[in-house]
């Protein structure tokens, strides 16, 4: 019951312009009517439209991930490669505003940014042996 109250409060903070009393308990249909991106199927709440798109890169290349404004969620390093360098641009070409540059990668894992870009999202990868990365964005 406490978990449901906490979830209701968090959903109110994240997804609603309406104010819900702290500790309020909403049934599936009630919650779906209050929170955007939330629907109720047979009393079970389901979130829609909240996921990220992704692009997996396994070569040394320039990749335009997205044109226009968006959000860079995470850069996940799946394989380090050899002296692989990754540069992330807020642009639709491999120049302009640099969001980040990684060099001498030694650790697998996700680097989360959760930042907005305005022009586009372009990734440049280069090095002796290509690694493997996944970019998540919206």
C-alpha atoms as a PDB file:
ATOM      1  CA  UNK A   1       0.000   0.000   0.000  1.00  0.00           C
ATOM      2  CA  UNK A   2       2.858   2.413   0.810  1.00  0.00           C
ATOM      3  CA  UNK A   3       4.450   1.651  -2.557  1.00  0.00           C
ATOM      4  CA  UNK A   4       1.208   2.528  -4.358  1.00  0.00           C
ATOM      5  CA  UNK A   5       1.008   5.832  -2.468  1.00  0.00           C
ATOM      6  CA  UNK A   6       4.613   6.676  -3.317  1.00  0.00           C
ATOM      7  CA  UNK A   7       4.071   5.774  -6.984  1.00  0.00           C
ATOM      8  CA  UNK A   8       0.914   7.886  -7.131  1.00  0.00           C
ATOM      9  CA  UNK A   9       2.758  10.862  -5.680  1.00  0.00           C
ATOM     10  CA  UNK A  10       5.711  10.437  -8.077  1.00  0.00           C
ATOM     11  CA  UNK A  11       3.423  10.126 -11.091  1.00  0.00           C
ATOM     12  CA  UNK A  12       1.700  13.320  -9.996  1.00  0.00           C
ATOM     13  CA  UNK A  13       5.011  15.133  -9.850  1.00  0.00           C
ATOM     14  CA  UNK A  14       6.257  13.849 -13.181  1.00  0.00           C
ATOM     15  CA  UNK A  15       3.255  13.599 -15.442  1.00  0.00           C
ATOM     16  CA  UNK A  16       0.426  15.799 -14.294  1.00  0.00           C
ATOM     17  CA  UNK A  17      -0.346  19.462 -14.102  1.00  0.00           C
ATOM     18  CA  UNK A  18      -3.110  18.590 -11.658  1.00  0.00           C
ATOM     19  CA  UNK A  19      -2.400  18.493  -7.955  1.00  0.00           C
ATOM     20  CA  UNK A  20      -3.114  15.192  -6.246  1.00  0.00           C
ATOM     21  CA  UNK A  21      -3.201  15.045  -2.460  1.00  0.00           C
ATOM     22  CA  UNK A  22      -0.156  13.302  -1.042  1.00  0.00           C
ATOM     23  CA  UNK A  23      -1.059   9.769  -0.082  1.00  0.00           C
ATOM     24  CA  UNK A  24      -4.023   9.644  -2.445  1.00  0.00           C
ATOM     25  CA  UNK A  25      -4.686   6.196  -3.837  1.00  0.00           C
ATOM     26  CA  UNK A  26      -6.093   6.064  -7.361  1.00  0.00           C
ATOM     27  CA  UNK A  27      -7.440   2.984  -9.101  1.00  0.00           C
ATOM     28  CA  UNK A  28      -6.184   2.221 -12.635  1.00  0.00           C
ATOM     29  CA  UNK A  29      -8.989   3.991 -14.485  1.00  0.00           C
ATOM     30  CA  UNK A  30      -8.788   7.061 -12.211  1.00  0.00           C
ATOM     31  CA  UNK A  31      -5.026   7.335 -12.600  1.00  0.00           C
ATOM     32  CA  UNK A  32      -5.224   6.907 -16.365  1.00  0.00           C
ATOM     33  CA  UNK A  33      -7.634   9.822 -16.507  1.00  0.00           C
ATOM     34  CA  UNK A  34      -5.306  12.076 -14.510  1.00  0.00           C
ATOM     35  CA  UNK A  35      -1.800  11.323 -15.792  1.00  0.00           C
ATOM     36  CA  UNK A  36      -0.707  11.802 -19.406  1.00  0.00           C
ATOM     37  CA  UNK A  37       0.947   8.825 -21.136  1.00  0.00           C
ATOM     38  CA  UNK A  38      -0.828   6.473 -18.739  1.00  0.00           C
ATOM     39  CA  UNK A  39      -3.595   4.072 -19.655  1.00  0.00           C
ATOM     40  CA  UNK A  40      -5.448   1.344 -17.854  1.00  0.00           C
ATOM     41  CA  UNK A  41      -5.985  -2.077 -19.410  1.00  0.00           C
ATOM     42  CA  UNK A  42      -8.065  -4.402 -17.229  1.00  0.00           C
ATOM     43  CA  UNK A  43      -7.111  -2.338 -14.182  1.00  0.00           C
ATOM     44  CA  UNK A  44      -3.361  -2.535 -14.921  1.00  0.00           C
ATOM     45  CA  UNK A  45      -1.575   0.776 -15.480  1.00  0.00           C
ATOM     46  CA  UNK A  46       0.599   1.024 -18.592  1.00  0.00           C
ATOM     47  CA  UNK A  47       2.933   3.876 -19.560  1.00  0.00           C
ATOM     48  CA  UNK A  48       3.219   4.866 -23.210  1.00  0.00           C
ATOM     49  CA  UNK A  49       5.489   7.238 -25.070  1.00  0.00           C
ATOM     50  CA  UNK A  50       8.056   7.356 -22.300  1.00  0.00           C
ATOM     51  CA  UNK A  51      10.803   5.215 -23.800  1.00  0.00           C
ATOM     52  CA  UNK A  52      13.941   6.198 -25.651  1.00  0.00           C
ATOM     53  CA  UNK A  53      15.013   5.469 -29.197  1.00  0.00           C
ATOM     54  CA  UNK A  54      18.451   3.957 -29.675  1.00  0.00           C
ATOM     55  CA  UNK A  55      21.196   3.553 -32.232  1.00  0.00           C
ATOM     56  CA  UNK A  56      23.983   0.976 -32.031  1.00  0.00           C
ATOM     57  CA  UNK A  57      27.353   1.866 -33.620  1.00  0.00           C
ATOM     58  CA  UNK A  58      30.058  -0.762 -34.233  1.00  0.00           C
ATOM     59  CA  UNK A  59      32.316   0.983 -36.752  1.00  0.00           C
ATOM     60  CA  UNK A  60      34.544   4.035 -37.006  1.00  0.00           C
ATOM     61  CA  UNK A  61      32.167   6.446 -38.724  1.00  0.00           C
ATOM     62  CA  UNK A  62      30.119   9.629 -38.523  1.00  0.00           C
ATOM     63  CA  UNK A  63      26.488   8.922 -37.620  1.00  0.00           C
ATOM     64  CA  UNK A  64      23.682  11.470 -37.617  1.00  0.00           C
ATOM     65  CA  UNK A  65      21.440  10.078 -34.893  1.00  0.00           C
ATOM     66  CA  UNK A  66      18.697  12.711 -34.955  1.00  0.00           C
ATOM     67  CA  UNK A  67      17.947  15.925 -36.810  1.00  0.00           C
ATOM     68  CA  UNK A  68      16.343  18.692 -34.769  1.00  0.00           C
ATOM     69  CA  UNK A  69      15.889  19.167 -31.046  1.00  0.00           C
ATOM     70  CA  UNK A  70      15.861  16.256 -28.636  1.00  0.00           C
ATOM     71  CA  UNK A  71      17.351  14.744 -25.509  1.00  0.00           C
ATOM     72  CA  UNK A  72      20.526  12.676 -25.182  1.00  0.00           C
ATOM     73  CA  UNK A  73      19.870  10.074 -22.524  1.00  0.00           C
ATOM     74  CA  UNK A  74      22.872   7.720 -22.332  1.00  0.00           C
ATOM     75  CA  UNK A  75      25.990   6.578 -24.135  1.00  0.00           C
ATOM     76  CA  UNK A  76      26.493   2.896 -23.350  1.00  0.00           C
ATOM     77  CA  UNK A  77      29.929   1.380 -23.962  1.00  0.00           C
ATOM     78  CA  UNK A  78      29.372  -2.273 -24.930  1.00  0.00           C
ATOM     79  CA  UNK A  79      32.919  -2.950 -26.207  1.00  0.00           C
ATOM     80  CA  UNK A  80      35.875  -0.635 -25.671  1.00  0.00           C
ATOM     81  CA  UNK A  81      37.731  -1.216 -28.954  1.00  0.00           C
ATOM     82  CA  UNK A  82      41.350  -0.083 -29.273  1.00  0.00           C
ATOM     83  CA  UNK A  83      42.089   3.617 -28.714  1.00  0.00           C
ATOM     84  CA  UNK A  84      38.518   4.359 -29.752  1.00  0.00           C
ATOM     85  CA  UNK A  85      37.456   8.006 -29.508  1.00  0.00           C
ATOM     86  CA  UNK A  86      33.792   9.042 -29.387  1.00  0.00           C
ATOM     87  CA  UNK A  87      32.754  12.651 -29.982  1.00  0.00           C
ATOM     88  CA  UNK A  88      29.156  13.782 -29.557  1.00  0.00           C
ATOM     89  CA  UNK A  89      27.949  16.945 -31.317  1.00  0.00           C
ATOM     90  CA  UNK A  90      24.825  19.087 -31.024  1.00  0.00           C
ATOM     91  CA  UNK A  91      24.624  19.342 -34.806  1.00  0.00           C
ATOM     92  CA  UNK A  92      23.687  17.384 -37.928  1.00  0.00           C
ATOM     93  CA  UNK A  93      27.317  17.368 -39.080  1.00  0.00           C
ATOM     94  CA  UNK A  94      30.576  16.440 -37.357  1.00  0.00           C
ATOM     95  CA  UNK A  95      31.355  19.963 -36.148  1.00  0.00           C
ATOM     96  CA  UNK A  96      29.902  22.737 -34.071  1.00  0.00           C
ATOM     97  CA  UNK A  97      28.919  22.455 -30.431  1.00  0.00           C
ATOM     98  CA  UNK A  98      30.655  19.505 -28.773  1.00  0.00           C
ATOM     99  CA  UNK A  99      28.588  17.813 -26.079  1.00  0.00           C
ATOM    100  CA  UNK A 100      31.295  15.344 -25.036  1.00  0.00           C
ATOM    101  CA  UNK A 101      34.455  13.575 -26.154  1.00  0.00           C
ATOM    102  CA  UNK A 102      35.633  10.295 -24.689  1.00  0.00           C
ATOM    103  CA  UNK A 103      39.195   9.040 -25.032  1.00  0.00           C
ATOM    104  CA  UNK A 104      41.118   6.103 -23.631  1.00  0.00           C
ATOM    105  CA  UNK A 105      38.010   4.133 -22.706  1.00  0.00           C
ATOM    106  CA  UNK A 106      38.743   1.463 -20.129  1.00  0.00           C
ATOM    107  CA  UNK A 107      35.365   0.763 -18.539  1.00  0.00           C
ATOM    108  CA  UNK A 108      32.213  -0.760 -20.004  1.00  0.00           C
ATOM    109  CA  UNK A 109      28.957   0.804 -18.895  1.00  0.00           C
ATOM    110  CA  UNK A 110      26.529   3.651 -19.361  1.00  0.00           C
ATOM    111  CA  UNK A 111      27.341   7.332 -19.228  1.00  0.00           C
ATOM    112  CA  UNK A 112      24.070   9.167 -18.699  1.00  0.00           C
ATOM    113  CA  UNK A 113      23.703  12.774 -19.791  1.00  0.00           C
ATOM    114  CA  UNK A 114      19.953  13.524 -19.790  1.00  0.00           C
ATOM    115  CA  UNK A 115      20.596  16.816 -21.574  1.00  0.00           C
ATOM    116  CA  UNK A 116      18.827  18.655 -24.361  1.00  0.00           C
ATOM    117  CA  UNK A 117      20.309  19.276 -27.794  1.00  0.00           C
ATOM    118  CA  UNK A 118      18.840  21.797 -30.211  1.00  0.00           C
ATOM    119  CA  UNK A 119      20.231  21.317 -33.735  1.00  0.00           C
ATOM    120  CA  UNK A 120      20.668  17.552 -33.904  1.00  0.00           C
ATOM    121  CA  UNK A 121      22.686  14.668 -32.517  1.00  0.00           C
ATOM    122  CA  UNK A 122      25.765  13.429 -34.368  1.00  0.00           C
ATOM    123  CA  UNK A 123      28.283  10.857 -33.137  1.00  0.00           C
ATOM    124  CA  UNK A 124      31.805  10.525 -34.545  1.00  0.00           C
ATOM    125  CA  UNK A 125      33.689   7.323 -33.708  1.00  0.00           C
ATOM    126  CA  UNK A 126      37.310   6.666 -34.638  1.00  0.00           C
ATOM    127  CA  UNK A 127      40.241   4.556 -33.524  1.00  0.00           C
ATOM    128  CA  UNK A 128      42.469   1.588 -34.321  1.00  0.00           C
ATOM    129  CA  UNK A 129      39.829  -1.099 -33.672  1.00  0.00           C
ATOM    130  CA  UNK A 130      36.170  -0.159 -33.519  1.00  0.00           C
ATOM    131  CA  UNK A 131      34.269  -0.713 -30.321  1.00  0.00           C
ATOM    132  CA  UNK A 132      30.526  -1.036 -29.825  1.00  0.00           C
ATOM    133  CA  UNK A 133      28.325   1.706 -28.366  1.00  0.00           C
ATOM    134  CA  UNK A 134      24.615   2.313 -27.997  1.00  0.00           C
ATOM    135  CA  UNK A 135      23.171   5.832 -27.890  1.00  0.00           C
ATOM    136  CA  UNK A 136      19.736   6.294 -26.296  1.00  0.00           C
ATOM    137  CA  UNK A 137      17.874   9.499 -27.048  1.00  0.00           C
ATOM    138  CA  UNK A 138      14.506  11.068 -27.818  1.00  0.00           C
END
